Amino acid sequence: EEIEAAGIKPVKKEFLVDLVEYLPNKYPHDKLEGLWILDSSTIAVANDNDFAINVENNQLVQKKLPGTDSIDDDVIYVIKLPKSLR
């Protein structure tokens, strides 16, 4: 009530899309870094590849996508939402 009395409107959240299931080849990275709202039915997300490095046995090694030999590159995914944000 204090927040609303101060004229602050709390944000609401609603589940829109499961990125792991929705994206091609599912979502192979371990975490997201950014989210952009492009328009009322389109968002973009970027992965966090930790500069494409890992530490194994106190050594820096190239970060690979889980279960593959592919380097974990930076990727921006543009996603059409199943329903509008409005």
PDB file of N, CA and C in Angstrom:
ATOM      1  N   GLU A   1       0.803  -1.190   0.000  1.00  0.00           N
ATOM      2  CA  GLU A   1       0.000   0.000   0.000  1.00  0.00           C
ATOM      3  C   GLU A   1       0.851   1.262   0.000  1.00  0.00           C
ATOM      4  N   GLU A   2       2.010   1.229   0.673  1.00  0.00           N
ATOM      5  CA  GLU A   2       2.875   2.408   0.712  1.00  0.00           C
ATOM      6  C   GLU A   2       3.367   2.766  -0.683  1.00  0.00           C
ATOM      7  N   ILE A   3       3.690   1.754  -1.451  1.00  0.00           N
ATOM      8  CA  ILE A   3       4.188   1.993  -2.808  1.00  0.00           C
ATOM      9  C   ILE A   3       3.120   2.694  -3.638  1.00  0.00           C
ATOM     10  N   GLU A   4       1.918   2.169  -3.613  1.00  0.00           N
ATOM     11  CA  GLU A   4       0.826   2.765  -4.387  1.00  0.00           C
ATOM     12  C   GLU A   4       0.485   4.158  -3.866  1.00  0.00           C
ATOM     13  N   ALA A   5       0.544   4.365  -2.556  1.00  0.00           N
ATOM     14  CA  ALA A   5       0.280   5.684  -1.979  1.00  0.00           C
ATOM     15  C   ALA A   5       1.318   6.703  -2.444  1.00  0.00           C
ATOM     16  N   ALA A   6       2.523   6.224  -2.735  1.00  0.00           N
ATOM     17  CA  ALA A   6       3.586   7.102  -3.226  1.00  0.00           C
ATOM     18  C   ALA A   6       3.477   7.340  -4.730  1.00  0.00           C
ATOM     19  N   GLY A   7       2.438   6.778  -5.350  1.00  0.00           N
ATOM     20  CA  GLY A   7       2.241   6.985  -6.786  1.00  0.00           C
ATOM     21  C   GLY A   7       3.045   6.039  -7.659  1.00  0.00           C
ATOM     22  N   ILE A   8       3.569   4.979  -7.064  1.00  0.00           N
ATOM     23  CA  ILE A   8       4.355   3.996  -7.818  1.00  0.00           C
ATOM     24  C   ILE A   8       3.456   2.818  -8.156  1.00  0.00           C
ATOM     25  N   LYS A   9       3.402   2.486  -9.428  1.00  0.00           N
ATOM     26  CA  LYS A   9       2.579   1.354  -9.860  1.00  0.00           C
ATOM     27  C   LYS A   9       3.490   0.135 -10.043  1.00  0.00           C
ATOM     28  N   PRO A  10       3.361  -0.881  -9.194  1.00  0.00           N
ATOM     29  CA  PRO A  10       4.208  -2.072  -9.321  1.00  0.00           C
ATOM     30  C   PRO A  10       3.970  -2.777 -10.660  1.00  0.00           C
ATOM     31  N   VAL A  11       5.014  -3.366 -11.189  1.00  0.00           N
ATOM     32  CA  VAL A  11       4.883  -4.107 -12.441  1.00  0.00           C
ATOM     33  C   VAL A  11       4.195  -5.436 -12.173  1.00  0.00           C
ATOM     34  N   LYS A  12       3.596  -5.967 -13.214  1.00  0.00           N
ATOM     35  CA  LYS A  12       2.989  -7.294 -13.140  1.00  0.00           C
ATOM     36  C   LYS A  12       3.742  -8.188 -14.103  1.00  0.00           C
ATOM     37  N   LYS A  13       3.773  -9.461 -13.819  1.00  0.00           N
ATOM     38  CA  LYS A  13       4.423 -10.385 -14.735  1.00  0.00           C
ATOM     39  C   LYS A  13       3.441 -11.458 -15.157  1.00  0.00           C
ATOM     40  N   GLU A  14       3.689 -11.961 -16.361  1.00  0.00           N
ATOM     41  CA  GLU A  14       2.830 -12.990 -16.933  1.00  0.00           C
ATOM     42  C   GLU A  14       3.698 -13.876 -17.812  1.00  0.00           C
ATOM     43  N   PHE A  15       3.537 -15.181 -17.693  1.00  0.00           N
ATOM     44  CA  PHE A  15       4.293 -16.123 -18.513  1.00  0.00           C
ATOM     45  C   PHE A  15       3.862 -15.984 -19.973  1.00  0.00           C
ATOM     46  N   LEU A  16       4.833 -15.768 -20.865  1.00  0.00           N
ATOM     47  CA  LEU A  16       4.524 -15.600 -22.286  1.00  0.00           C
ATOM     48  C   LEU A  16       5.051 -16.721 -23.159  1.00  0.00           C
ATOM     49  N   VAL A  17       6.303 -17.111 -22.934  1.00  0.00           N
ATOM     50  CA  VAL A  17       6.903 -18.105 -23.821  1.00  0.00           C
ATOM     51  C   VAL A  17       8.027 -18.833 -23.082  1.00  0.00           C
ATOM     52  N   ASP A  18       8.118 -20.128 -23.301  1.00  0.00           N
ATOM     53  CA  ASP A  18       9.207 -20.946 -22.766  1.00  0.00           C
ATOM     54  C   ASP A  18      10.307 -20.954 -23.816  1.00  0.00           C
ATOM     55  N   LEU A  19      11.348 -20.157 -23.608  1.00  0.00           N
ATOM     56  CA  LEU A  19      12.408 -20.033 -24.610  1.00  0.00           C
ATOM     57  C   LEU A  19      13.112 -21.349 -24.888  1.00  0.00           C
ATOM     58  N   VAL A  20      13.262 -22.170 -23.870  1.00  0.00           N
ATOM     59  CA  VAL A  20      13.938 -23.457 -24.068  1.00  0.00           C
ATOM     60  C   VAL A  20      13.186 -24.297 -25.092  1.00  0.00           C
ATOM     61  N   GLU A  21      11.874 -24.274 -25.038  1.00  0.00           N
ATOM     62  CA  GLU A  21      11.068 -25.065 -25.968  1.00  0.00           C
ATOM     63  C   GLU A  21      10.786 -24.338 -27.278  1.00  0.00           C
ATOM     64  N   TYR A  22      10.695 -23.018 -27.249  1.00  0.00           N
ATOM     65  CA  TYR A  22      10.239 -22.246 -28.402  1.00  0.00           C
ATOM     66  C   TYR A  22      11.315 -22.044 -29.467  1.00  0.00           C
ATOM     67  N   LEU A  23      12.553 -21.841 -29.058  1.00  0.00           N
ATOM     68  CA  LEU A  23      13.616 -21.525 -30.016  1.00  0.00           C
ATOM     69  C   LEU A  23      14.061 -22.750 -30.800  1.00  0.00           C
ATOM     70  N   PRO A  24      14.538 -22.521 -32.035  1.00  0.00           N
ATOM     71  CA  PRO A  24      15.071 -23.648 -32.812  1.00  0.00           C
ATOM     72  C   PRO A  24      16.208 -24.324 -32.033  1.00  0.00           C
ATOM     73  N   ASN A  25      16.260 -25.619 -32.090  1.00  0.00           N
ATOM     74  CA  ASN A  25      17.281 -26.384 -31.346  1.00  0.00           C
ATOM     75  C   ASN A  25      17.212 -26.120 -29.847  1.00  0.00           C
ATOM     76  N   LYS A  26      16.008 -25.727 -29.404  1.00  0.00           N
ATOM     77  CA  LYS A  26      15.793 -25.356 -28.006  1.00  0.00           C
ATOM     78  C   LYS A  26      16.741 -24.205 -27.661  1.00  0.00           C
ATOM     79  N   TYR A  27      17.049 -23.959 -26.430  1.00  0.00           N
ATOM     80  CA  TYR A  27      17.979 -22.893 -26.037  1.00  0.00           C
ATOM     81  C   TYR A  27      19.228 -23.573 -25.503  1.00  0.00           C
ATOM     82  N   PRO A  28      20.310 -23.624 -26.300  1.00  0.00           N
ATOM     83  CA  PRO A  28      21.469 -24.423 -25.910  1.00  0.00           C
ATOM     84  C   PRO A  28      22.395 -23.776 -24.881  1.00  0.00           C
ATOM     85  N   HIS A  29      22.206 -22.509 -24.582  1.00  0.00           N
ATOM     86  CA  HIS A  29      23.108 -21.792 -23.676  1.00  0.00           C
ATOM     87  C   HIS A  29      22.670 -21.987 -22.227  1.00  0.00           C
ATOM     88  N   ASP A  30      23.548 -21.598 -21.304  1.00  0.00           N
ATOM     89  CA  ASP A  30      23.200 -21.816 -19.899  1.00  0.00           C
ATOM     90  C   ASP A  30      22.452 -20.656 -19.256  1.00  0.00           C
ATOM     91  N   LYS A  31      22.466 -19.465 -19.884  1.00  0.00           N
ATOM     92  CA  LYS A  31      21.710 -18.347 -19.298  1.00  0.00           C
ATOM     93  C   LYS A  31      21.521 -17.221 -20.309  1.00  0.00           C
ATOM     94  N   LEU A  32      20.518 -16.381 -20.010  1.00  0.00           N
ATOM     95  CA  LEU A  32      20.253 -15.194 -20.825  1.00  0.00           C
ATOM     96  C   LEU A  32      21.011 -14.004 -20.263  1.00  0.00           C
ATOM     97  N   GLU A  33      21.339 -13.055 -21.132  1.00  0.00           N
ATOM     98  CA  GLU A  33      21.998 -11.830 -20.699  1.00  0.00           C
ATOM     99  C   GLU A  33      21.085 -10.625 -20.869  1.00  0.00           C
ATOM    100  N   GLY A  34      20.330 -10.577 -21.945  1.00  0.00           N
ATOM    101  CA  GLY A  34      19.531  -9.385 -22.202  1.00  0.00           C
ATOM    102  C   GLY A  34      18.183  -9.701 -22.809  1.00  0.00           C
ATOM    103  N   LEU A  35      17.258  -8.755 -22.634  1.00  0.00           N
ATOM    104  CA  LEU A  35      15.912  -8.873 -23.189  1.00  0.00           C
ATOM    105  C   LEU A  35      15.515  -7.510 -23.726  1.00  0.00           C
ATOM    106  N   TRP A  36      15.015  -7.472 -24.957  1.00  0.00           N
ATOM    107  CA  TRP A  36      14.548  -6.237 -25.580  1.00  0.00           C
ATOM    108  C   TRP A  36      13.124  -6.437 -26.060  1.00  0.00           C
ATOM    109  N   ILE A  37      12.290  -5.453 -25.848  1.00  0.00           N
ATOM    110  CA  ILE A  37      10.944  -5.459 -26.418  1.00  0.00           C
ATOM    111  C   ILE A  37      11.029  -4.649 -27.703  1.00  0.00           C
ATOM    112  N   LEU A  38      10.843  -5.311 -28.841  1.00  0.00           N
ATOM    113  CA  LEU A  38      10.953  -4.644 -30.138  1.00  0.00           C
ATOM    114  C   LEU A  38       9.634  -4.008 -30.556  1.00  0.00           C
ATOM    115  N   ASP A  39       8.545  -4.700 -30.313  1.00  0.00           N
ATOM    116  CA  ASP A  39       7.202  -4.161 -30.526  1.00  0.00           C
ATOM    117  C   ASP A  39       6.238  -5.006 -29.702  1.00  0.00           C
ATOM    118  N   SER A  40       4.949  -4.800 -29.861  1.00  0.00           N
ATOM    119  CA  SER A  40       3.981  -5.461 -28.977  1.00  0.00           C
ATOM    120  C   SER A  40       3.920  -6.974 -29.132  1.00  0.00           C
ATOM    121  N   SER A  41       4.513  -7.507 -30.196  1.00  0.00           N
ATOM    122  CA  SER A  41       4.478  -8.964 -30.372  1.00  0.00           C
ATOM    123  C   SER A  41       5.843  -9.567 -30.691  1.00  0.00           C
ATOM    124  N   THR A  42       6.905  -8.783 -30.496  1.00  0.00           N
ATOM    125  CA  THR A  42       8.248  -9.274 -30.812  1.00  0.00           C
ATOM    126  C   THR A  42       9.228  -8.877 -29.720  1.00  0.00           C
ATOM    127  N   ILE A  43      10.008  -9.857 -29.259  1.00  0.00           N
ATOM    128  CA  ILE A  43      11.086  -9.586 -28.312  1.00  0.00           C
ATOM    129  C   ILE A  43      12.388 -10.118 -28.901  1.00  0.00           C
ATOM    130  N   ALA A  44      13.492  -9.685 -28.322  1.00  0.00           N
ATOM    131  CA  ALA A  44      14.799 -10.233 -28.667  1.00  0.00           C
ATOM    132  C   ALA A  44      15.497 -10.585 -27.359  1.00  0.00           C
ATOM    133  N   VAL A  45      16.240 -11.681 -27.374  1.00  0.00           N
ATOM    134  CA  VAL A  45      17.018 -12.086 -26.208  1.00  0.00           C
ATOM    135  C   VAL A  45      18.435 -12.415 -26.653  1.00  0.00           C
ATOM    136  N   ALA A  46      19.381 -12.193 -25.761  1.00  0.00           N
ATOM    137  CA  ALA A  46      20.780 -12.514 -26.039  1.00  0.00           C
ATOM    138  C   ALA A  46      21.283 -13.464 -24.965  1.00  0.00           C
ATOM    139  N   ASN A  47      22.159 -14.358 -25.379  1.00  0.00           N
ATOM    140  CA  ASN A  47      22.746 -15.270 -24.403  1.00  0.00           C
ATOM    141  C   ASN A  47      23.952 -14.624 -23.735  1.00  0.00           C
ATOM    142  N   ASP A  48      24.369 -15.178 -22.625  1.00  0.00           N
ATOM    143  CA  ASP A  48      25.578 -14.762 -21.922  1.00  0.00           C
ATOM    144  C   ASP A  48      26.570 -15.903 -22.062  1.00  0.00           C
ATOM    145  N   ASN A  49      27.597 -15.703 -22.879  1.00  0.00           N
ATOM    146  CA  ASN A  49      28.546 -16.792 -23.109  1.00  0.00           C
ATOM    147  C   ASN A  49      29.810 -16.666 -22.261  1.00  0.00           C
ATOM    148  N   ASP A  50      29.810 -15.740 -21.296  1.00  0.00           N
ATOM    149  CA  ASP A  50      30.962 -15.574 -20.395  1.00  0.00           C
ATOM    150  C   ASP A  50      32.269 -15.413 -21.162  1.00  0.00           C
ATOM    151  N   PHE A  51      32.233 -14.602 -22.219  1.00  0.00           N
ATOM    152  CA  PHE A  51      33.403 -14.354 -23.069  1.00  0.00           C
ATOM    153  C   PHE A  51      33.916 -15.629 -23.730  1.00  0.00           C
ATOM    154  N   ALA A  52      33.054 -16.629 -23.807  1.00  0.00           N
ATOM    155  CA  ALA A  52      33.363 -17.918 -24.449  1.00  0.00           C
ATOM    156  C   ALA A  52      34.545 -18.630 -23.800  1.00  0.00           C
ATOM    157  N   ILE A  53      34.698 -18.434 -22.475  1.00  0.00           N
ATOM    158  CA  ILE A  53      35.759 -19.153 -21.766  1.00  0.00           C
ATOM    159  C   ILE A  53      35.201 -19.813 -20.509  1.00  0.00           C
ATOM    160  N   ASN A  54      35.819 -20.900 -20.137  1.00  0.00           N
ATOM    161  CA  ASN A  54      35.547 -21.615 -18.890  1.00  0.00           C
ATOM    162  C   ASN A  54      36.877 -21.869 -18.207  1.00  0.00           C
ATOM    163  N   VAL A  55      36.818 -22.277 -16.967  1.00  0.00           N
ATOM    164  CA  VAL A  55      38.023 -22.689 -16.251  1.00  0.00           C
ATOM    165  C   VAL A  55      37.869 -24.161 -15.906  1.00  0.00           C
ATOM    166  N   GLU A  56      38.843 -24.955 -16.340  1.00  0.00           N
ATOM    167  CA  GLU A  56      38.877 -26.383 -16.014  1.00  0.00           C
ATOM    168  C   GLU A  56      40.273 -26.720 -15.519  1.00  0.00           C
ATOM    169  N   ASN A  57      40.362 -27.325 -14.363  1.00  0.00           N
ATOM    170  CA  ASN A  57      41.657 -27.685 -13.769  1.00  0.00           C
ATOM    171  C   ASN A  57      42.593 -26.479 -13.706  1.00  0.00           C
ATOM    172  N   ASN A  58      42.048 -25.338 -13.272  1.00  0.00           N
ATOM    173  CA  ASN A  58      42.806 -24.085 -13.154  1.00  0.00           C
ATOM    174  C   ASN A  58      43.369 -23.580 -14.480  1.00  0.00           C
ATOM    175  N   GLN A  59      42.791 -23.990 -15.583  1.00  0.00           N
ATOM    176  CA  GLN A  59      43.219 -23.533 -16.910  1.00  0.00           C
ATOM    177  C   GLN A  59      42.034 -22.914 -17.642  1.00  0.00           C
ATOM    178  N   LEU A  60      42.277 -21.825 -18.381  1.00  0.00           N
ATOM    179  CA  LEU A  60      41.238 -21.260 -19.230  1.00  0.00           C
ATOM    180  C   LEU A  60      41.064 -22.141 -20.453  1.00  0.00           C
ATOM    181  N   VAL A  61      39.815 -22.456 -20.755  1.00  0.00           N
ATOM    182  CA  VAL A  61      39.513 -23.274 -21.935  1.00  0.00           C
ATOM    183  C   VAL A  61      38.359 -22.630 -22.692  1.00  0.00           C
ATOM    184  N   GLN A  62      38.262 -22.965 -23.972  1.00  0.00           N
ATOM    185  CA  GLN A  62      37.165 -22.469 -24.803  1.00  0.00           C
ATOM    186  C   GLN A  62      35.843 -23.003 -24.277  1.00  0.00           C
ATOM    187  N   LYS A  63      34.852 -22.135 -24.124  1.00  0.00           N
ATOM    188  CA  LYS A  63      33.535 -22.571 -23.647  1.00  0.00           C
ATOM    189  C   LYS A  63      32.770 -23.196 -24.805  1.00  0.00           C
ATOM    190  N   LYS A  64      32.275 -24.406 -24.590  1.00  0.00           N
ATOM    191  CA  LYS A  64      31.519 -25.138 -25.613  1.00  0.00           C
ATOM    192  C   LYS A  64      30.065 -25.264 -25.169  1.00  0.00           C
ATOM    193  N   LEU A  65      29.177 -25.374 -26.148  1.00  0.00           N
ATOM    194  CA  LEU A  65      27.774 -25.631 -25.836  1.00  0.00           C
ATOM    195  C   LEU A  65      27.661 -27.015 -25.215  1.00  0.00           C
ATOM    196  N   PRO A  66      26.817 -27.178 -24.210  1.00  0.00           N
ATOM    197  CA  PRO A  66      26.692 -28.474 -23.544  1.00  0.00           C
ATOM    198  C   PRO A  66      26.404 -29.609 -24.526  1.00  0.00           C
ATOM    199  N   GLY A  67      27.153 -30.693 -24.387  1.00  0.00           N
ATOM    200  CA  GLY A  67      26.929 -31.882 -25.206  1.00  0.00           C
ATOM    201  C   GLY A  67      27.388 -31.761 -26.646  1.00  0.00           C
ATOM    202  N   THR A  68      28.142 -30.694 -26.967  1.00  0.00           N
ATOM    203  CA  THR A  68      28.618 -30.517 -28.346  1.00  0.00           C
ATOM    204  C   THR A  68      30.080 -30.108 -28.332  1.00  0.00           C
ATOM    205  N   ASP A  69      30.641 -29.973 -29.517  1.00  0.00           N
ATOM    206  CA  ASP A  69      31.992 -29.447 -29.660  1.00  0.00           C
ATOM    207  C   ASP A  69      31.941 -28.033 -30.238  1.00  0.00           C
ATOM    208  N   SER A  70      30.744 -27.422 -30.237  1.00  0.00           N
ATOM    209  CA  SER A  70      30.556 -26.083 -30.803  1.00  0.00           C
ATOM    210  C   SER A  70      30.877 -25.006 -29.772  1.00  0.00           C
ATOM    211  N   ILE A  71      31.569 -23.961 -30.218  1.00  0.00           N
ATOM    212  CA  ILE A  71      31.884 -22.835 -29.345  1.00  0.00           C
ATOM    213  C   ILE A  71      30.592 -22.099 -28.989  1.00  0.00           C
ATOM    214  N   ASP A  72      30.482 -21.692 -27.737  1.00  0.00           N
ATOM    215  CA  ASP A  72      29.308 -20.949 -27.263  1.00  0.00           C
ATOM    216  C   ASP A  72      29.461 -19.480 -27.656  1.00  0.00           C
ATOM    217  N   ASP A  73      29.006 -19.128 -28.851  1.00  0.00           N
ATOM    218  CA  ASP A  73      29.095 -17.760 -29.363  1.00  0.00           C
ATOM    219  C   ASP A  73      27.970 -16.896 -28.820  1.00  0.00           C
ATOM    220  N   ASP A  74      28.159 -15.569 -28.938  1.00  0.00           N
ATOM    221  CA  ASP A  74      27.069 -14.634 -28.643  1.00  0.00           C
ATOM    222  C   ASP A  74      26.017 -14.757 -29.729  1.00  0.00           C
ATOM    223  N   VAL A  75      24.757 -14.819 -29.324  1.00  0.00           N
ATOM    224  CA  VAL A  75      23.651 -14.928 -30.272  1.00  0.00           C
ATOM    225  C   VAL A  75      22.516 -14.035 -29.786  1.00  0.00           C
ATOM    226  N   ILE A  76      21.890 -13.320 -30.725  1.00  0.00           N
ATOM    227  CA  ILE A  76      20.666 -12.579 -30.422  1.00  0.00           C
ATOM    228  C   ILE A  76      19.535 -13.286 -31.144  1.00  0.00           C
ATOM    229  N   TYR A  77      18.515 -13.673 -30.393  1.00  0.00           N
ATOM    230  CA  TYR A  77      17.348 -14.357 -30.951  1.00  0.00           C
ATOM    231  C   TYR A  77      16.186 -13.364 -31.014  1.00  0.00           C
ATOM    232  N   VAL A  78      15.539 -13.261 -32.170  1.00  0.00           N
ATOM    233  CA  VAL A  78      14.341 -12.438 -32.320  1.00  0.00           C
ATOM    234  C   VAL A  78      13.154 -13.388 -32.320  1.00  0.00           C
ATOM    235  N   ILE A  79      12.190 -13.128 -31.440  1.00  0.00           N
ATOM    236  CA  ILE A  79      11.098 -14.072 -31.197  1.00  0.00           C
ATOM    237  C   ILE A  79       9.749 -13.387 -31.378  1.00  0.00           C
ATOM    238  N   LYS A  80       8.922 -13.955 -32.254  1.00  0.00           N
ATOM    239  CA  LYS A  80       7.527 -13.525 -32.384  1.00  0.00           C
ATOM    240  C   LYS A  80       6.746 -14.215 -31.271  1.00  0.00           C
ATOM    241  N   LEU A  81       6.122 -13.447 -30.431  1.00  0.00           N
ATOM    242  CA  LEU A  81       5.381 -14.002 -29.301  1.00  0.00           C
ATOM    243  C   LEU A  81       4.067 -14.627 -29.750  1.00  0.00           C
ATOM    244  N   PRO A  82       3.624 -15.659 -29.042  1.00  0.00           N
ATOM    245  CA  PRO A  82       2.353 -16.293 -29.393  1.00  0.00           C
ATOM    246  C   PRO A  82       1.150 -15.381 -29.143  1.00  0.00           C
ATOM    247  N   LYS A  83       1.328 -14.357 -28.279  1.00  0.00           N
ATOM    248  CA  LYS A  83       0.266 -13.368 -28.083  1.00  0.00           C
ATOM    249  C   LYS A  83       0.905 -12.012 -27.803  1.00  0.00           C
ATOM    250  N   SER A  84       0.160 -10.970 -28.060  1.00  0.00           N
ATOM    251  CA  SER A  84       0.658  -9.605 -27.929  1.00  0.00           C
ATOM    252  C   SER A  84       0.919  -9.230 -26.471  1.00  0.00           C
ATOM    253  N   LEU A  85       1.854  -8.329 -26.264  1.00  0.00           N
ATOM    254  CA  LEU A  85       2.139  -7.814 -24.927  1.00  0.00           C
ATOM    255  C   LEU A  85       1.066  -6.847 -24.447  1.00  0.00           C
ATOM    256  N   ARG A  86       0.232  -6.379 -25.351  1.00  0.00           N
ATOM    257  CA  ARG A  86      -0.817  -5.405 -24.980  1.00  0.00           C
ATOM    258  C   ARG A  86      -2.126  -6.073 -24.727  1.00  0.00           C
TER     259      ARG A  86
END
